[in-house]
N, C-alpha and C. Protein backbone atom coordinates (compact mmCIF):
# COMPACT_ATOMS: atom_id res chain seq x y z
N MET A 1 37.39 -4.44 0.49
CA MET A 1 36.28 -5.11 1.17
C MET A 1 35.45 -4.10 1.95
N PRO A 2 34.14 -4.15 1.83
CA PRO A 2 33.31 -3.20 2.59
C PRO A 2 33.31 -3.54 4.07
N LEU A 3 33.47 -2.54 4.91
CA LEU A 3 33.34 -2.75 6.35
C LEU A 3 31.85 -2.81 6.68
N PRO A 4 31.42 -3.80 7.46
CA PRO A 4 29.98 -3.92 7.76
C PRO A 4 29.36 -2.62 8.26
N GLU A 5 30.10 -1.90 9.11
CA GLU A 5 29.53 -0.66 9.69
C GLU A 5 29.45 0.48 8.68
N LYS A 6 30.13 0.32 7.53
CA LYS A 6 30.08 1.36 6.49
C LYS A 6 29.02 1.06 5.44
N THR A 7 28.39 -0.10 5.53
CA THR A 7 27.35 -0.44 4.56
C THR A 7 26.02 0.13 5.04
N SER A 8 25.15 0.40 4.11
CA SER A 8 23.79 0.83 4.42
C SER A 8 22.84 -0.23 3.88
N TRP A 9 21.76 -0.52 4.62
CA TRP A 9 20.86 -1.61 4.24
C TRP A 9 19.45 -1.10 4.01
N VAL A 10 18.86 -1.57 2.93
CA VAL A 10 17.53 -1.12 2.50
C VAL A 10 16.57 -2.31 2.52
N ILE A 11 15.42 -2.12 3.14
CA ILE A 11 14.37 -3.13 3.10
C ILE A 11 13.44 -2.77 1.94
N LEU A 12 13.34 -3.67 0.98
CA LEU A 12 12.54 -3.42 -0.21
C LEU A 12 11.07 -3.76 0.06
N ALA A 13 10.25 -2.74 0.12
CA ALA A 13 8.81 -2.92 0.38
C ALA A 13 7.99 -2.17 -0.67
N GLY A 14 8.57 -2.05 -1.87
CA GLY A 14 7.95 -1.19 -2.87
C GLY A 14 7.12 -1.89 -3.92
N GLY A 15 6.92 -3.20 -3.77
CA GLY A 15 6.21 -3.95 -4.81
C GLY A 15 4.70 -3.81 -4.71
N GLN A 16 4.03 -4.38 -5.71
CA GLN A 16 2.56 -4.32 -5.75
C GLN A 16 1.90 -5.41 -4.93
N ALA A 17 2.67 -6.45 -4.57
CA ALA A 17 2.15 -7.55 -3.73
C ALA A 17 0.87 -8.14 -4.30
N SER A 18 0.87 -8.38 -5.60
CA SER A 18 -0.35 -8.89 -6.24
C SER A 18 -0.77 -10.24 -5.67
N ARG A 19 0.21 -11.07 -5.30
CA ARG A 19 -0.14 -12.39 -4.76
C ARG A 19 -0.61 -12.32 -3.31
N MET A 20 -0.39 -11.17 -2.67
CA MET A 20 -0.87 -10.97 -1.29
C MET A 20 -2.21 -10.24 -1.33
N GLY A 21 -2.91 -10.39 -2.44
CA GLY A 21 -4.23 -9.76 -2.56
C GLY A 21 -4.14 -8.25 -2.65
N GLY A 22 -2.96 -7.74 -3.06
CA GLY A 22 -2.79 -6.29 -3.17
C GLY A 22 -2.47 -5.62 -1.85
N ASN A 23 -2.49 -6.38 -0.74
CA ASN A 23 -2.12 -5.80 0.55
C ASN A 23 -0.63 -5.49 0.57
N ASP A 24 -0.27 -4.41 1.24
CA ASP A 24 1.12 -4.00 1.32
C ASP A 24 1.88 -5.03 2.17
N LYS A 25 2.78 -5.79 1.52
CA LYS A 25 3.35 -6.97 2.17
C LYS A 25 4.08 -6.65 3.48
N GLY A 26 4.81 -5.55 3.48
CA GLY A 26 5.55 -5.23 4.69
C GLY A 26 4.68 -4.93 5.88
N LEU A 27 3.42 -4.60 5.62
CA LEU A 27 2.51 -4.19 6.71
C LEU A 27 1.53 -5.28 7.10
N VAL A 28 1.55 -6.43 6.41
CA VAL A 28 0.64 -7.50 6.82
C VAL A 28 1.12 -8.08 8.14
N SER A 29 0.20 -8.64 8.88
CA SER A 29 0.50 -9.12 10.23
C SER A 29 1.01 -10.56 10.21
N LEU A 30 2.08 -10.79 10.96
CA LEU A 30 2.61 -12.13 11.17
C LEU A 30 2.85 -12.28 12.68
N ASN A 31 2.06 -13.13 13.30
CA ASN A 31 2.16 -13.31 14.76
C ASN A 31 2.08 -11.97 15.50
N ASN A 32 1.08 -11.19 15.14
CA ASN A 32 0.71 -9.93 15.82
C ASN A 32 1.71 -8.79 15.63
N ARG A 33 2.59 -8.93 14.64
CA ARG A 33 3.50 -7.82 14.30
C ARG A 33 3.55 -7.71 12.78
N THR A 34 3.85 -6.52 12.29
CA THR A 34 3.96 -6.38 10.85
C THR A 34 5.19 -7.15 10.36
N MET A 35 5.10 -7.59 9.12
CA MET A 35 6.21 -8.36 8.55
C MET A 35 7.51 -7.56 8.59
N ILE A 36 7.43 -6.27 8.29
CA ILE A 36 8.67 -5.48 8.25
C ILE A 36 9.32 -5.37 9.62
N GLU A 37 8.54 -5.44 10.67
CA GLU A 37 9.13 -5.40 12.02
C GLU A 37 10.00 -6.63 12.27
N HIS A 38 9.58 -7.77 11.79
CA HIS A 38 10.40 -8.98 11.94
C HIS A 38 11.74 -8.80 11.22
N VAL A 39 11.69 -8.23 10.00
CA VAL A 39 12.92 -8.01 9.23
C VAL A 39 13.80 -6.97 9.92
N ILE A 40 13.20 -5.88 10.40
CA ILE A 40 13.97 -4.84 11.08
C ILE A 40 14.67 -5.39 12.32
N ASP A 41 13.98 -6.22 13.08
CA ASP A 41 14.59 -6.80 14.28
C ASP A 41 15.88 -7.53 13.95
N ILE A 42 15.86 -8.31 12.87
CA ILE A 42 17.05 -9.07 12.49
C ILE A 42 18.17 -8.13 12.02
N LEU A 43 17.82 -7.16 11.19
CA LEU A 43 18.84 -6.24 10.65
C LEU A 43 19.38 -5.29 11.72
N ALA A 44 18.52 -4.83 12.61
CA ALA A 44 18.93 -3.82 13.60
C ALA A 44 20.00 -4.35 14.55
N ALA A 45 20.04 -5.66 14.72
CA ALA A 45 21.09 -6.25 15.56
C ALA A 45 22.43 -6.28 14.83
N GLN A 46 22.40 -5.98 13.51
CA GLN A 46 23.62 -6.09 12.70
C GLN A 46 24.11 -4.76 12.15
N THR A 47 23.22 -3.79 12.02
CA THR A 47 23.59 -2.50 11.43
C THR A 47 22.68 -1.40 11.96
N GLN A 48 23.23 -0.19 12.04
CA GLN A 48 22.42 0.97 12.44
C GLN A 48 21.85 1.70 11.23
N HIS A 49 22.29 1.29 10.04
CA HIS A 49 21.96 2.04 8.82
C HIS A 49 20.88 1.30 8.03
N ILE A 50 19.62 1.51 8.41
CA ILE A 50 18.49 0.83 7.76
C ILE A 50 17.52 1.88 7.22
N THR A 51 17.17 1.75 5.95
CA THR A 51 16.11 2.58 5.37
C THR A 51 15.13 1.66 4.66
N ILE A 52 14.00 2.24 4.29
CA ILE A 52 12.91 1.46 3.70
C ILE A 52 12.55 2.05 2.34
N ASN A 53 12.46 1.19 1.34
CA ASN A 53 11.98 1.59 0.03
C ASN A 53 10.53 1.15 -0.09
N ALA A 54 9.62 2.12 -0.20
CA ALA A 54 8.19 1.82 -0.30
C ALA A 54 7.54 2.80 -1.26
N ASN A 55 6.51 2.33 -1.95
CA ASN A 55 5.78 3.19 -2.89
C ASN A 55 4.35 3.47 -2.46
N ARG A 56 3.97 2.90 -1.31
CA ARG A 56 2.65 3.16 -0.74
C ARG A 56 2.82 3.29 0.77
N ASN A 57 1.81 3.86 1.41
CA ASN A 57 1.76 3.89 2.88
C ASN A 57 3.03 4.44 3.54
N HIS A 58 3.58 5.50 2.95
CA HIS A 58 4.80 6.08 3.52
C HIS A 58 4.61 6.47 4.97
N ASP A 59 3.43 7.00 5.31
CA ASP A 59 3.20 7.45 6.69
C ASP A 59 3.31 6.28 7.66
N LYS A 60 2.83 5.10 7.28
CA LYS A 60 2.91 3.94 8.15
C LYS A 60 4.34 3.43 8.25
N TYR A 61 5.04 3.40 7.13
CA TYR A 61 6.42 2.92 7.15
C TYR A 61 7.34 3.87 7.93
N GLN A 62 7.01 5.15 7.92
CA GLN A 62 7.87 6.11 8.62
C GLN A 62 7.92 5.86 10.13
N ALA A 63 6.96 5.11 10.64
CA ALA A 63 7.00 4.72 12.06
C ALA A 63 8.19 3.81 12.35
N PHE A 64 8.73 3.20 11.29
CA PHE A 64 9.82 2.23 11.46
C PHE A 64 11.18 2.77 11.01
N GLY A 65 11.21 3.94 10.36
CA GLY A 65 12.48 4.48 9.89
C GLY A 65 12.31 5.37 8.68
N ALA A 66 13.45 5.81 8.14
CA ALA A 66 13.43 6.69 6.96
C ALA A 66 12.93 5.92 5.74
N VAL A 67 12.11 6.58 4.93
CA VAL A 67 11.46 5.94 3.79
C VAL A 67 11.73 6.74 2.52
N PHE A 68 11.96 6.05 1.41
CA PHE A 68 12.04 6.71 0.10
C PHE A 68 11.34 5.83 -0.92
N GLY A 69 10.80 6.47 -1.95
CA GLY A 69 10.08 5.74 -3.00
C GLY A 69 10.90 5.60 -4.26
N ASP A 70 10.40 4.81 -5.19
CA ASP A 70 11.05 4.66 -6.50
C ASP A 70 11.02 5.99 -7.25
N GLN A 71 12.04 6.19 -8.07
CA GLN A 71 12.06 7.35 -8.96
C GLN A 71 11.48 7.00 -10.32
N ILE A 72 11.42 5.71 -10.61
CA ILE A 72 10.88 5.24 -11.87
C ILE A 72 9.45 4.78 -11.64
N LYS A 73 8.55 5.22 -12.45
CA LYS A 73 7.13 4.89 -12.27
C LYS A 73 6.82 3.46 -12.72
N ASP A 74 5.62 3.02 -12.40
CA ASP A 74 5.09 1.73 -12.86
C ASP A 74 5.77 0.51 -12.24
N TYR A 75 6.20 0.64 -11.01
CA TYR A 75 6.68 -0.51 -10.26
C TYR A 75 7.67 -1.39 -11.03
N PRO A 76 8.91 -0.91 -11.23
CA PRO A 76 9.88 -1.74 -11.95
C PRO A 76 10.43 -2.89 -11.10
N GLY A 77 9.88 -3.12 -9.91
CA GLY A 77 10.32 -4.23 -9.08
C GLY A 77 11.54 -3.90 -8.25
N PRO A 78 12.27 -4.93 -7.78
CA PRO A 78 13.42 -4.68 -6.90
C PRO A 78 14.45 -3.74 -7.51
N LEU A 79 14.62 -3.81 -8.83
CA LEU A 79 15.61 -2.92 -9.46
C LEU A 79 15.24 -1.46 -9.31
N GLY A 80 13.93 -1.17 -9.25
CA GLY A 80 13.49 0.20 -9.01
C GLY A 80 13.91 0.68 -7.64
N GLY A 81 13.80 -0.20 -6.65
CA GLY A 81 14.24 0.15 -5.29
C GLY A 81 15.74 0.32 -5.22
N MET A 82 16.47 -0.52 -5.93
CA MET A 82 17.93 -0.40 -5.94
C MET A 82 18.36 0.90 -6.61
N HIS A 83 17.70 1.22 -7.72
CA HIS A 83 17.98 2.47 -8.42
C HIS A 83 17.72 3.67 -7.52
N ALA A 84 16.58 3.67 -6.85
CA ALA A 84 16.24 4.79 -5.95
C ALA A 84 17.23 4.90 -4.80
N ALA A 85 17.65 3.74 -4.26
CA ALA A 85 18.60 3.76 -3.15
C ALA A 85 19.93 4.37 -3.56
N LEU A 86 20.39 4.03 -4.75
CA LEU A 86 21.67 4.57 -5.21
C LEU A 86 21.60 6.08 -5.44
N HIS A 87 20.40 6.59 -5.68
CA HIS A 87 20.23 8.04 -5.82
C HIS A 87 19.97 8.72 -4.47
N THR A 88 19.50 7.96 -3.49
CA THR A 88 19.11 8.54 -2.20
C THR A 88 20.22 8.47 -1.17
N LEU A 89 20.95 7.37 -1.16
CA LEU A 89 22.00 7.14 -0.17
C LEU A 89 23.36 7.37 -0.79
N ASP A 90 24.32 7.80 0.04
CA ASP A 90 25.64 8.08 -0.54
C ASP A 90 26.69 7.05 -0.16
N ASN A 91 26.28 5.96 0.46
CA ASN A 91 27.25 4.92 0.81
C ASN A 91 27.84 4.29 -0.45
N GLU A 92 29.09 3.85 -0.31
CA GLU A 92 29.74 3.14 -1.41
C GLU A 92 29.09 1.78 -1.62
N TRP A 93 28.75 1.11 -0.51
CA TRP A 93 28.14 -0.22 -0.54
C TRP A 93 26.75 -0.15 0.06
N ILE A 94 25.76 -0.70 -0.64
CA ILE A 94 24.38 -0.71 -0.16
C ILE A 94 23.84 -2.13 -0.27
N GLY A 95 23.26 -2.60 0.81
CA GLY A 95 22.68 -3.93 0.84
C GLY A 95 21.17 -3.86 0.75
N PHE A 96 20.56 -4.96 0.31
CA PHE A 96 19.11 -5.01 0.13
C PHE A 96 18.56 -6.33 0.64
N VAL A 97 17.40 -6.24 1.28
CA VAL A 97 16.66 -7.45 1.67
C VAL A 97 15.19 -7.19 1.37
N PRO A 98 14.42 -8.25 1.08
CA PRO A 98 12.98 -8.06 0.86
C PRO A 98 12.24 -7.96 2.20
N CYS A 99 11.06 -7.35 2.16
CA CYS A 99 10.28 -7.16 3.38
C CYS A 99 9.52 -8.42 3.78
N ASP A 100 9.60 -9.48 2.98
CA ASP A 100 8.79 -10.67 3.26
C ASP A 100 9.64 -11.87 3.64
N CYS A 101 10.84 -11.62 4.17
CA CYS A 101 11.72 -12.70 4.66
C CYS A 101 11.91 -12.52 6.17
N PRO A 102 11.04 -13.11 6.98
CA PRO A 102 11.06 -12.81 8.41
C PRO A 102 12.10 -13.57 9.22
N GLN A 103 12.94 -14.39 8.59
CA GLN A 103 13.97 -15.08 9.37
C GLN A 103 15.32 -15.06 8.66
N LEU A 104 15.71 -13.88 8.22
CA LEU A 104 17.01 -13.69 7.57
C LEU A 104 18.16 -14.08 8.50
N PRO A 105 19.33 -14.39 7.95
CA PRO A 105 20.46 -14.79 8.80
C PRO A 105 20.87 -13.68 9.78
N SER A 106 21.25 -14.11 10.98
CA SER A 106 21.67 -13.14 12.00
C SER A 106 23.07 -12.62 11.73
N ASP A 107 23.79 -13.24 10.79
CA ASP A 107 25.14 -12.78 10.42
C ASP A 107 25.18 -12.30 8.98
N LEU A 108 24.02 -11.91 8.45
CA LEU A 108 23.92 -11.53 7.03
C LEU A 108 24.88 -10.41 6.66
N VAL A 109 24.86 -9.32 7.41
CA VAL A 109 25.65 -8.14 7.06
C VAL A 109 27.14 -8.46 7.08
N GLU A 110 27.58 -9.15 8.12
CA GLU A 110 29.01 -9.46 8.22
C GLU A 110 29.44 -10.44 7.13
N ARG A 111 28.65 -11.47 6.90
CA ARG A 111 29.05 -12.49 5.93
C ARG A 111 29.04 -11.93 4.51
N MET A 112 28.03 -11.12 4.19
CA MET A 112 27.98 -10.52 2.86
C MET A 112 29.17 -9.57 2.66
N SER A 113 29.48 -8.78 3.68
CA SER A 113 30.59 -7.81 3.57
C SER A 113 31.92 -8.52 3.39
N GLN A 114 32.15 -9.57 4.19
CA GLN A 114 33.44 -10.25 4.15
C GLN A 114 33.68 -10.99 2.83
N ALA A 115 32.61 -11.32 2.14
CA ALA A 115 32.76 -12.05 0.88
C ALA A 115 33.27 -11.16 -0.26
N CYS A 116 33.12 -9.86 -0.11
CA CYS A 116 33.46 -8.93 -1.20
C CYS A 116 34.94 -8.55 -1.19
N ASP A 117 35.45 -8.25 -2.36
CA ASP A 117 36.77 -7.63 -2.45
C ASP A 117 36.66 -6.40 -3.35
N ALA A 118 37.79 -5.80 -3.65
CA ALA A 118 37.77 -4.52 -4.37
C ALA A 118 37.15 -4.63 -5.75
N SER A 119 37.15 -5.83 -6.32
CA SER A 119 36.62 -5.98 -7.68
C SER A 119 35.15 -6.36 -7.73
N THR A 120 34.55 -6.65 -6.56
CA THR A 120 33.16 -7.12 -6.52
C THR A 120 32.20 -5.98 -6.85
N ASP A 121 31.28 -6.25 -7.77
CA ASP A 121 30.18 -5.31 -8.04
C ASP A 121 28.96 -5.66 -7.19
N ILE A 122 28.63 -6.94 -7.15
CA ILE A 122 27.42 -7.39 -6.47
C ILE A 122 27.71 -8.72 -5.78
N ALA A 123 27.31 -8.82 -4.52
CA ALA A 123 27.33 -10.09 -3.79
C ALA A 123 25.88 -10.51 -3.59
N VAL A 124 25.57 -11.76 -3.90
CA VAL A 124 24.20 -12.26 -3.81
C VAL A 124 24.18 -13.49 -2.91
N ALA A 125 23.22 -13.55 -2.00
CA ALA A 125 23.11 -14.70 -1.11
C ALA A 125 22.71 -15.95 -1.89
N HIS A 126 23.23 -17.08 -1.45
CA HIS A 126 22.92 -18.38 -2.06
C HIS A 126 22.54 -19.35 -0.94
N ASP A 127 21.38 -19.99 -1.06
CA ASP A 127 20.90 -20.84 0.03
C ASP A 127 21.36 -22.29 -0.07
N GLY A 128 22.26 -22.57 -1.00
CA GLY A 128 22.73 -23.93 -1.20
C GLY A 128 22.12 -24.58 -2.43
N GLU A 129 20.92 -24.11 -2.80
CA GLU A 129 20.27 -24.60 -4.02
C GLU A 129 20.06 -23.50 -5.04
N HIS A 130 19.70 -22.32 -4.57
CA HIS A 130 19.35 -21.21 -5.47
C HIS A 130 19.98 -19.92 -4.97
N ILE A 131 20.25 -19.01 -5.92
CA ILE A 131 20.61 -17.66 -5.47
C ILE A 131 19.34 -16.96 -5.00
N GLN A 132 19.52 -16.00 -4.12
CA GLN A 132 18.42 -15.19 -3.58
C GLN A 132 18.65 -13.77 -4.10
N PRO A 133 18.17 -13.45 -5.30
CA PRO A 133 18.63 -12.24 -5.99
C PRO A 133 18.27 -10.93 -5.31
N VAL A 134 17.32 -10.96 -4.37
CA VAL A 134 16.95 -9.70 -3.71
C VAL A 134 17.70 -9.53 -2.39
N VAL A 135 18.45 -10.55 -1.98
CA VAL A 135 19.31 -10.42 -0.80
C VAL A 135 20.72 -10.20 -1.34
N THR A 136 21.10 -8.93 -1.39
CA THR A 136 22.30 -8.56 -2.14
C THR A 136 23.02 -7.38 -1.51
N LEU A 137 24.30 -7.32 -1.76
CA LEU A 137 25.12 -6.17 -1.36
C LEU A 137 25.83 -5.71 -2.62
N LEU A 138 25.65 -4.44 -2.97
CA LEU A 138 26.23 -3.97 -4.24
C LEU A 138 27.03 -2.69 -4.07
N HIS A 139 27.96 -2.52 -4.99
CA HIS A 139 28.79 -1.31 -5.01
C HIS A 139 28.11 -0.29 -5.92
N ARG A 140 28.21 0.97 -5.52
CA ARG A 140 27.46 1.99 -6.26
C ARG A 140 27.96 2.21 -7.69
N ARG A 141 29.11 1.64 -8.01
CA ARG A 141 29.61 1.80 -9.39
C ARG A 141 28.71 1.12 -10.42
N ILE A 142 27.77 0.27 -9.97
CA ILE A 142 26.88 -0.37 -10.96
C ILE A 142 25.79 0.58 -11.45
N LEU A 143 25.67 1.76 -10.85
CA LEU A 143 24.55 2.64 -11.21
C LEU A 143 24.44 2.91 -12.71
N PRO A 144 25.52 3.24 -13.43
CA PRO A 144 25.34 3.48 -14.88
C PRO A 144 24.79 2.25 -15.61
N LYS A 145 25.27 1.05 -15.26
CA LYS A 145 24.76 -0.17 -15.89
C LYS A 145 23.28 -0.36 -15.55
N LEU A 146 22.94 -0.11 -14.29
CA LEU A 146 21.56 -0.27 -13.86
C LEU A 146 20.64 0.70 -14.60
N GLU A 147 21.07 1.94 -14.74
CA GLU A 147 20.23 2.94 -15.42
C GLU A 147 20.06 2.58 -16.90
N ALA A 148 21.12 2.14 -17.54
CA ALA A 148 21.03 1.73 -18.95
C ALA A 148 20.10 0.52 -19.09
N PHE A 149 20.20 -0.40 -18.15
CA PHE A 149 19.38 -1.62 -18.16
C PHE A 149 17.90 -1.26 -18.04
N LEU A 150 17.58 -0.38 -17.08
CA LEU A 150 16.18 0.02 -16.87
C LEU A 150 15.66 0.85 -18.06
N ALA A 151 16.52 1.70 -18.60
CA ALA A 151 16.11 2.53 -19.74
C ALA A 151 15.79 1.67 -20.96
N ASN A 152 16.40 0.50 -21.01
CA ASN A 152 16.17 -0.44 -22.11
C ASN A 152 14.88 -1.22 -21.92
N GLY A 153 14.23 -1.00 -20.76
CA GLY A 153 12.97 -1.70 -20.49
C GLY A 153 13.14 -3.05 -19.82
N ASP A 154 14.38 -3.40 -19.49
CA ASP A 154 14.63 -4.69 -18.85
C ASP A 154 14.26 -4.63 -17.37
N ARG A 155 13.76 -5.75 -16.84
CA ARG A 155 13.38 -5.81 -15.43
C ARG A 155 13.92 -7.07 -14.75
N LYS A 156 14.42 -8.03 -15.52
CA LYS A 156 14.84 -9.32 -14.94
C LYS A 156 16.18 -9.15 -14.24
N ILE A 157 16.13 -9.24 -12.95
CA ILE A 157 17.24 -8.85 -12.09
C ILE A 157 18.53 -9.62 -12.40
N ILE A 158 18.41 -10.92 -12.68
CA ILE A 158 19.60 -11.73 -12.88
C ILE A 158 20.32 -11.36 -14.16
N LEU A 159 19.59 -10.83 -15.15
CA LEU A 159 20.25 -10.40 -16.40
C LEU A 159 21.18 -9.23 -16.14
N LEU A 160 20.79 -8.32 -15.26
CA LEU A 160 21.68 -7.22 -14.88
C LEU A 160 22.90 -7.77 -14.16
N TYR A 161 22.67 -8.68 -13.22
CA TYR A 161 23.78 -9.22 -12.44
C TYR A 161 24.83 -9.86 -13.34
N ARG A 162 24.37 -10.49 -14.41
CA ARG A 162 25.32 -11.15 -15.32
C ARG A 162 26.20 -10.15 -16.07
N GLN A 163 25.78 -8.90 -16.12
CA GLN A 163 26.59 -7.85 -16.75
C GLN A 163 27.65 -7.30 -15.80
N CYS A 164 27.57 -7.71 -14.54
CA CYS A 164 28.44 -7.17 -13.50
C CYS A 164 29.36 -8.27 -12.96
N ASN A 165 30.34 -7.86 -12.17
CA ASN A 165 31.18 -8.84 -11.49
C ASN A 165 30.44 -9.33 -10.25
N MET A 166 29.68 -10.40 -10.41
CA MET A 166 28.82 -10.92 -9.34
C MET A 166 29.49 -12.10 -8.65
N ILE A 167 29.40 -12.12 -7.32
CA ILE A 167 29.81 -13.29 -6.55
C ILE A 167 28.59 -13.79 -5.78
N THR A 168 28.61 -15.06 -5.40
CA THR A 168 27.56 -15.58 -4.53
C THR A 168 28.15 -15.83 -3.15
N VAL A 169 27.32 -15.66 -2.14
CA VAL A 169 27.74 -15.83 -0.74
C VAL A 169 27.00 -17.04 -0.18
N ASP A 170 27.75 -17.99 0.32
CA ASP A 170 27.18 -19.28 0.73
C ASP A 170 26.47 -19.18 2.08
N PHE A 171 25.16 -19.43 2.05
CA PHE A 171 24.37 -19.55 3.27
C PHE A 171 23.69 -20.92 3.32
N SER A 172 24.38 -21.93 2.77
CA SER A 172 23.76 -23.26 2.71
C SER A 172 23.56 -23.86 4.10
N ASP A 173 24.26 -23.29 5.11
CA ASP A 173 24.05 -23.75 6.48
C ASP A 173 22.75 -23.20 7.08
N GLN A 174 22.13 -22.24 6.38
CA GLN A 174 20.88 -21.63 6.86
C GLN A 174 19.85 -21.55 5.73
N PRO A 175 19.52 -22.67 5.09
CA PRO A 175 18.65 -22.60 3.90
C PRO A 175 17.26 -22.03 4.18
N ASN A 176 16.78 -22.18 5.40
CA ASN A 176 15.44 -21.68 5.72
C ASN A 176 15.39 -20.19 6.01
N ALA A 177 16.57 -19.56 6.01
CA ALA A 177 16.62 -18.13 6.33
C ALA A 177 15.96 -17.27 5.26
N PHE A 178 15.77 -17.85 4.07
CA PHE A 178 15.27 -17.05 2.96
C PHE A 178 13.84 -17.39 2.57
N VAL A 179 13.13 -18.06 3.47
CA VAL A 179 11.70 -18.31 3.23
C VAL A 179 11.01 -16.97 3.06
N ASN A 180 10.35 -16.79 1.91
CA ASN A 180 9.61 -15.54 1.74
C ASN A 180 8.13 -15.84 1.58
N LEU A 181 7.33 -14.97 2.14
CA LEU A 181 5.89 -15.19 2.26
C LEU A 181 5.17 -14.30 1.27
N ASN A 182 4.61 -14.93 0.22
CA ASN A 182 4.02 -14.17 -0.88
C ASN A 182 2.50 -14.15 -0.89
N THR A 183 1.88 -15.12 -0.23
CA THR A 183 0.42 -15.23 -0.28
C THR A 183 -0.14 -15.28 1.13
N PRO A 184 -1.42 -14.94 1.30
CA PRO A 184 -2.03 -15.05 2.63
C PRO A 184 -1.94 -16.47 3.19
N GLU A 185 -2.01 -17.48 2.31
CA GLU A 185 -1.93 -18.87 2.76
C GLU A 185 -0.54 -19.18 3.33
N GLU A 186 0.50 -18.73 2.63
CA GLU A 186 1.86 -18.95 3.12
C GLU A 186 2.07 -18.25 4.47
N LEU A 187 1.52 -17.06 4.55
CA LEU A 187 1.64 -16.28 5.79
C LEU A 187 0.99 -17.01 6.96
N GLN A 188 -0.21 -17.49 6.74
CA GLN A 188 -0.96 -18.18 7.79
C GLN A 188 -0.23 -19.46 8.21
N GLN A 189 0.23 -20.24 7.23
CA GLN A 189 0.93 -21.49 7.51
C GLN A 189 2.19 -21.24 8.32
N PHE A 190 2.98 -20.25 7.89
CA PHE A 190 4.23 -19.92 8.57
C PHE A 190 3.96 -19.47 10.00
N GLY A 191 2.95 -18.63 10.17
CA GLY A 191 2.61 -18.13 11.50
C GLY A 191 2.22 -19.26 12.44
N LYS A 192 1.46 -20.21 11.94
CA LYS A 192 1.03 -21.35 12.77
C LYS A 192 2.23 -22.18 13.19
N GLN A 193 3.12 -22.45 12.24
CA GLN A 193 4.30 -23.26 12.56
C GLN A 193 5.13 -22.61 13.65
N HIS A 194 5.27 -21.28 13.58
CA HIS A 194 6.16 -20.61 14.52
C HIS A 194 5.49 -20.29 15.85
N GLU A 195 4.18 -20.31 15.89
CA GLU A 195 3.49 -20.20 17.17
C GLU A 195 3.67 -21.49 17.97
N SER A 196 3.71 -22.60 17.24
CA SER A 196 3.77 -23.90 17.93
C SER A 196 5.20 -24.28 18.30
N ASN A 197 6.21 -23.54 17.77
CA ASN A 197 7.60 -23.88 18.10
C ASN A 197 7.96 -23.37 19.50
């Protein structure tokens, strides 16, 4: 079982954000702070080991922590960030969260870690209705499978997971923790709701 303090966590901010009008999602403003700051606040209370995967605006992201980009060109999506993390970080267990989930669980790191055992390749959060494939904790032994998968031109994350020993971690008590904001409209709506709370 991975010890929470031995895991390293990566915020995935490397996408093209086409639905956000091409704006860099982690840097868009939500209630007068960048989206990634909301995510960092939640993670920083749980782990000291946070890095950022980004393919644009490295100078801006470096204000929030260590940054690395994808090694594979043409934006292969979350798998590109996972691939880069496995080449950049030397931890046995590496966790991932997207930059557009501003209310992740406050016990994410501990709960994900405790769910794993020696045979687990990937733990994926489950909100009670759906898996959340980008909220994951994985063992570095999946790297050869991941590289073969990407070399084959595959990008669909769940297809890779099915090749591995995947478990799901129950967060059905916190289904709203995985709200992700993909469009300016969603961002505005979410911000208004939380200003009035």
